[in-house]
Amino acid sequence: MNRLQAYYESTSILINLAESIQQADDRDEGVGVIETMLDERQVLLKDFNQPYTEAEVELGRKLIAMEKSLNEKLLLVKQKIGLDLKEIKQKKENHKKYANPYQPLSTDGMFYDKKN
């Protein structure tokens, strides 16, 4: 049961990390830790071999529910990061407009009437 227990524990830790990152403002370090743990879990996943004991089958059933929860939490973290990036981009654009209000405007759709 060692092989599955380590995977179960790392999944539990990842769920807790994903929850704490959602509430934190500075999440750069946490995202790095999550990436590292996901890589470690991938290595553990390769070590699963059949036949499974009855205890491993039961633990596997719990893991299926945990995986679903983890995926949802990681998706929320990804969405929050995307919103933050969008907000930063908007702030940059607003700053550029404020710093140079007389920048050339787009001439698409304009018609110049030239009379001689």
C-alpha atoms as a PDB file:
ATOM      1  CA  MET A   1       0.000   0.000   0.000  1.00  0.00           C
ATOM      2  CA  ASN A   2       3.058   2.255   0.109  1.00  0.00           C
ATOM      3  CA  ARG A   3       2.839   3.209  -3.554  1.00  0.00           C
ATOM      4  CA  LEU A   4      -0.755   4.394  -3.329  1.00  0.00           C
ATOM      5  CA  GLN A   5      -0.438   5.945   0.137  1.00  0.00           C
ATOM      6  CA  ALA A   6       2.287   8.359  -1.019  1.00  0.00           C
ATOM      7  CA  TYR A   7       0.100   9.406  -3.947  1.00  0.00           C
ATOM      8  CA  TYR A   8      -2.856   9.894  -1.606  1.00  0.00           C
ATOM      9  CA  GLU A   9      -0.826  12.071   0.770  1.00  0.00           C
ATOM     10  CA  SER A  10       0.574  14.247  -2.022  1.00  0.00           C
ATOM     11  CA  THR A  11      -2.940  14.722  -3.424  1.00  0.00           C
ATOM     12  CA  SER A  12      -4.162  15.809   0.006  1.00  0.00           C
ATOM     13  CA  ILE A  13      -1.312  18.310   0.315  1.00  0.00           C
ATOM     14  CA  LEU A  14      -2.026  19.657  -3.177  1.00  0.00           C
ATOM     15  CA  ILE A  15      -5.677  20.243  -2.311  1.00  0.00           C
ATOM     16  CA  ASN A  16      -4.668  22.214   0.783  1.00  0.00           C
ATOM     17  CA  LEU A  17      -2.149  24.252  -1.219  1.00  0.00           C
ATOM     18  CA  ALA A  18      -4.679  25.046  -3.929  1.00  0.00           C
ATOM     19  CA  GLU A  19      -7.140  26.257  -1.292  1.00  0.00           C
ATOM     20  CA  SER A  20      -4.552  28.465   0.393  1.00  0.00           C
ATOM     21  CA  ILE A  21      -3.368  29.949  -2.917  1.00  0.00           C
ATOM     22  CA  GLN A  22      -6.904  31.015  -3.811  1.00  0.00           C
ATOM     23  CA  GLN A  23      -6.998  33.180  -0.705  1.00  0.00           C
ATOM     24  CA  ALA A  24      -3.465  34.602  -0.977  1.00  0.00           C
ATOM     25  CA  ASP A  25      -2.559  37.715  -2.920  1.00  0.00           C
ATOM     26  CA  ASP A  26       1.034  36.683  -3.640  1.00  0.00           C
ATOM     27  CA  ARG A  27       0.830  33.206  -5.114  1.00  0.00           C
ATOM     28  CA  ASP A  28       4.035  32.925  -7.156  1.00  0.00           C
ATOM     29  CA  GLU A  29       5.811  30.743  -4.614  1.00  0.00           C
ATOM     30  CA  GLY A  30       2.749  28.552  -4.091  1.00  0.00           C
ATOM     31  CA  VAL A  31       2.332  27.944  -7.810  1.00  0.00           C
ATOM     32  CA  GLY A  32       5.961  26.804  -7.981  1.00  0.00           C
ATOM     33  CA  VAL A  33       5.387  24.365  -5.128  1.00  0.00           C
ATOM     34  CA  ILE A  34       2.256  23.027  -6.827  1.00  0.00           C
ATOM     35  CA  GLU A  35       4.145  22.480 -10.090  1.00  0.00           C
ATOM     36  CA  THR A  36       6.873  20.568  -8.250  1.00  0.00           C
ATOM     37  CA  MET A  37       4.373  18.398  -6.395  1.00  0.00           C
ATOM     38  CA  LEU A  38       2.448  17.649  -9.589  1.00  0.00           C
ATOM     39  CA  ASP A  39       5.687  16.445 -11.181  1.00  0.00           C
ATOM     40  CA  GLU A  40       6.415  14.240  -8.153  1.00  0.00           C
ATOM     41  CA  ARG A  41       2.901  12.803  -8.292  1.00  0.00           C
ATOM     42  CA  GLN A  42       3.375  12.004 -11.968  1.00  0.00           C
ATOM     43  CA  VAL A  43       6.412   9.898 -11.063  1.00  0.00           C
ATOM     44  CA  LEU A  44       4.424   8.120  -8.357  1.00  0.00           C
ATOM     45  CA  LEU A  45       1.630   7.426 -10.832  1.00  0.00           C
ATOM     46  CA  LYS A  46       3.996   5.447 -13.051  1.00  0.00           C
ATOM     47  CA  ASP A  47       4.756   3.035 -10.177  1.00  0.00           C
ATOM     48  CA  PHE A  48       1.206   1.678  -9.933  1.00  0.00           C
ATOM     49  CA  ASN A  49       1.084  -2.003 -10.850  1.00  0.00           C
ATOM     50  CA  GLN A  50      -1.632  -4.592 -10.671  1.00  0.00           C
ATOM     51  CA  PRO A  51      -2.780  -6.627  -8.753  1.00  0.00           C
ATOM     52  CA  TYR A  52      -4.274  -4.259  -6.224  1.00  0.00           C
ATOM     53  CA  THR A  53      -5.139  -5.280  -2.695  1.00  0.00           C
ATOM     54  CA  GLU A  54      -8.591  -4.613  -1.277  1.00  0.00           C
ATOM     55  CA  ALA A  55      -7.241  -1.702   0.777  1.00  0.00           C
ATOM     56  CA  GLU A  56      -5.653  -0.184  -2.339  1.00  0.00           C
ATOM     57  CA  VAL A  57      -8.925  -0.463  -4.230  1.00  0.00           C
ATOM     58  CA  GLU A  58     -10.732   1.390  -1.436  1.00  0.00           C
ATOM     59  CA  LEU A  59      -8.028   4.055  -1.331  1.00  0.00           C
ATOM     60  CA  GLY A  60      -8.291   4.342  -5.111  1.00  0.00           C
ATOM     61  CA  ARG A  61     -11.998   5.107  -4.808  1.00  0.00           C
ATOM     62  CA  LYS A  62     -11.220   7.909  -2.361  1.00  0.00           C
ATOM     63  CA  LEU A  63      -8.533   9.190  -4.729  1.00  0.00           C
ATOM     64  CA  ILE A  64     -11.009   9.482  -7.592  1.00  0.00           C
ATOM     65  CA  ALA A  65     -13.121  11.912  -5.556  1.00  0.00           C
ATOM     66  CA  MET A  66     -10.007  13.771  -4.404  1.00  0.00           C
ATOM     67  CA  GLU A  67      -8.757  14.108  -7.980  1.00  0.00           C
ATOM     68  CA  LYS A  68     -12.039  15.715  -9.025  1.00  0.00           C
ATOM     69  CA  SER A  69     -11.827  18.160  -6.130  1.00  0.00           C
ATOM     70  CA  LEU A  70      -8.183  18.933  -6.918  1.00  0.00           C
ATOM     71  CA  ASN A  71      -8.927  19.592 -10.577  1.00  0.00           C
ATOM     72  CA  GLU A  72     -11.702  22.020  -9.651  1.00  0.00           C
ATOM     73  CA  LYS A  73      -9.487  23.894  -7.209  1.00  0.00           C
ATOM     74  CA  LEU A  74      -6.597  24.108  -9.676  1.00  0.00           C
ATOM     75  CA  LEU A  75      -8.997  25.391 -12.333  1.00  0.00           C
ATOM     76  CA  LEU A  76     -10.118  28.141  -9.946  1.00  0.00           C
ATOM     77  CA  VAL A  77      -6.484  29.082  -9.308  1.00  0.00           C
ATOM     78  CA  LYS A  78      -5.862  29.219 -13.061  1.00  0.00           C
ATOM     79  CA  GLN A  79      -8.909  31.427 -13.593  1.00  0.00           C
ATOM     80  CA  LYS A  80      -7.848  33.787 -10.822  1.00  0.00           C
ATOM     81  CA  ILE A  81      -4.376  34.095 -12.333  1.00  0.00           C
ATOM     82  CA  GLY A  82      -5.954  34.800 -15.724  1.00  0.00           C
ATOM     83  CA  LEU A  83      -8.111  37.545 -14.227  1.00  0.00           C
ATOM     84  CA  ASP A  84      -5.079  39.074 -12.531  1.00  0.00           C
ATOM     85  CA  LEU A  85      -3.145  39.072 -15.810  1.00  0.00           C
ATOM     86  CA  LYS A  86      -6.067  40.692 -17.598  1.00  0.00           C
ATOM     87  CA  GLU A  87      -6.272  43.353 -14.876  1.00  0.00           C
ATOM     88  CA  ILE A  88      -2.538  44.074 -15.142  1.00  0.00           C
ATOM     89  CA  LYS A  89      -2.808  44.420 -18.914  1.00  0.00           C
ATOM     90  CA  GLN A  90      -5.705  46.859 -18.523  1.00  0.00           C
ATOM     91  CA  LYS A  91      -3.729  48.899 -15.990  1.00  0.00           C
ATOM     92  CA  LYS A  92      -0.791  49.107 -18.402  1.00  0.00           C
ATOM     93  CA  GLU A  93      -3.049  50.320 -21.198  1.00  0.00           C
ATOM     94  CA  ASN A  94      -4.642  52.929 -18.936  1.00  0.00           C
ATOM     95  CA  HIS A  95      -1.227  54.118 -17.807  1.00  0.00           C
ATOM     96  CA  LYS A  96      -0.072  54.516 -21.426  1.00  0.00           C
ATOM     97  CA  LYS A  97      -3.191  56.521 -22.256  1.00  0.00           C
ATOM     98  CA  TYR A  98      -2.643  58.742 -19.253  1.00  0.00           C
ATOM     99  CA  ALA A  99       1.077  59.232 -19.946  1.00  0.00           C
ATOM    100  CA  ASN A 100       0.548  60.158 -23.611  1.00  0.00           C
ATOM    101  CA  PRO A 101      -3.003  61.442 -24.166  1.00  0.00           C
ATOM    102  CA  TYR A 102      -2.151  62.929 -27.579  1.00  0.00           C
ATOM    103  CA  GLN A 103      -0.942  59.742 -29.161  1.00  0.00           C
ATOM    104  CA  PRO A 104      -2.095  59.217 -32.724  1.00  0.00           C
ATOM    105  CA  LEU A 105      -5.535  57.737 -32.822  1.00  0.00           C
ATOM    106  CA  SER A 106      -6.502  54.900 -35.098  1.00  0.00           C
ATOM    107  CA  THR A 107      -7.729  56.139 -38.479  1.00  0.00           C
ATOM    108  CA  ASP A 108      -9.633  53.011 -39.351  1.00  0.00           C
ATOM    109  CA  GLY A 109     -13.081  53.882 -40.607  1.00  0.00           C
ATOM    110  CA  MET A 110     -12.343  57.565 -41.085  1.00  0.00           C
ATOM    111  CA  PHE A 111     -12.992  59.326 -44.358  1.00  0.00           C
ATOM    112  CA  TYR A 112     -11.025  62.351 -45.388  1.00  0.00           C
ATOM    113  CA  ASP A 113     -12.795  64.657 -47.836  1.00  0.00           C
ATOM    114  CA  LYS A 114     -10.276  66.542 -49.857  1.00  0.00           C
ATOM    115  CA  LYS A 115     -11.595  69.408 -51.974  1.00  0.00           C
ATOM    116  CA  ASN A 116      -9.431  71.356 -54.360  1.00  0.00           C
END
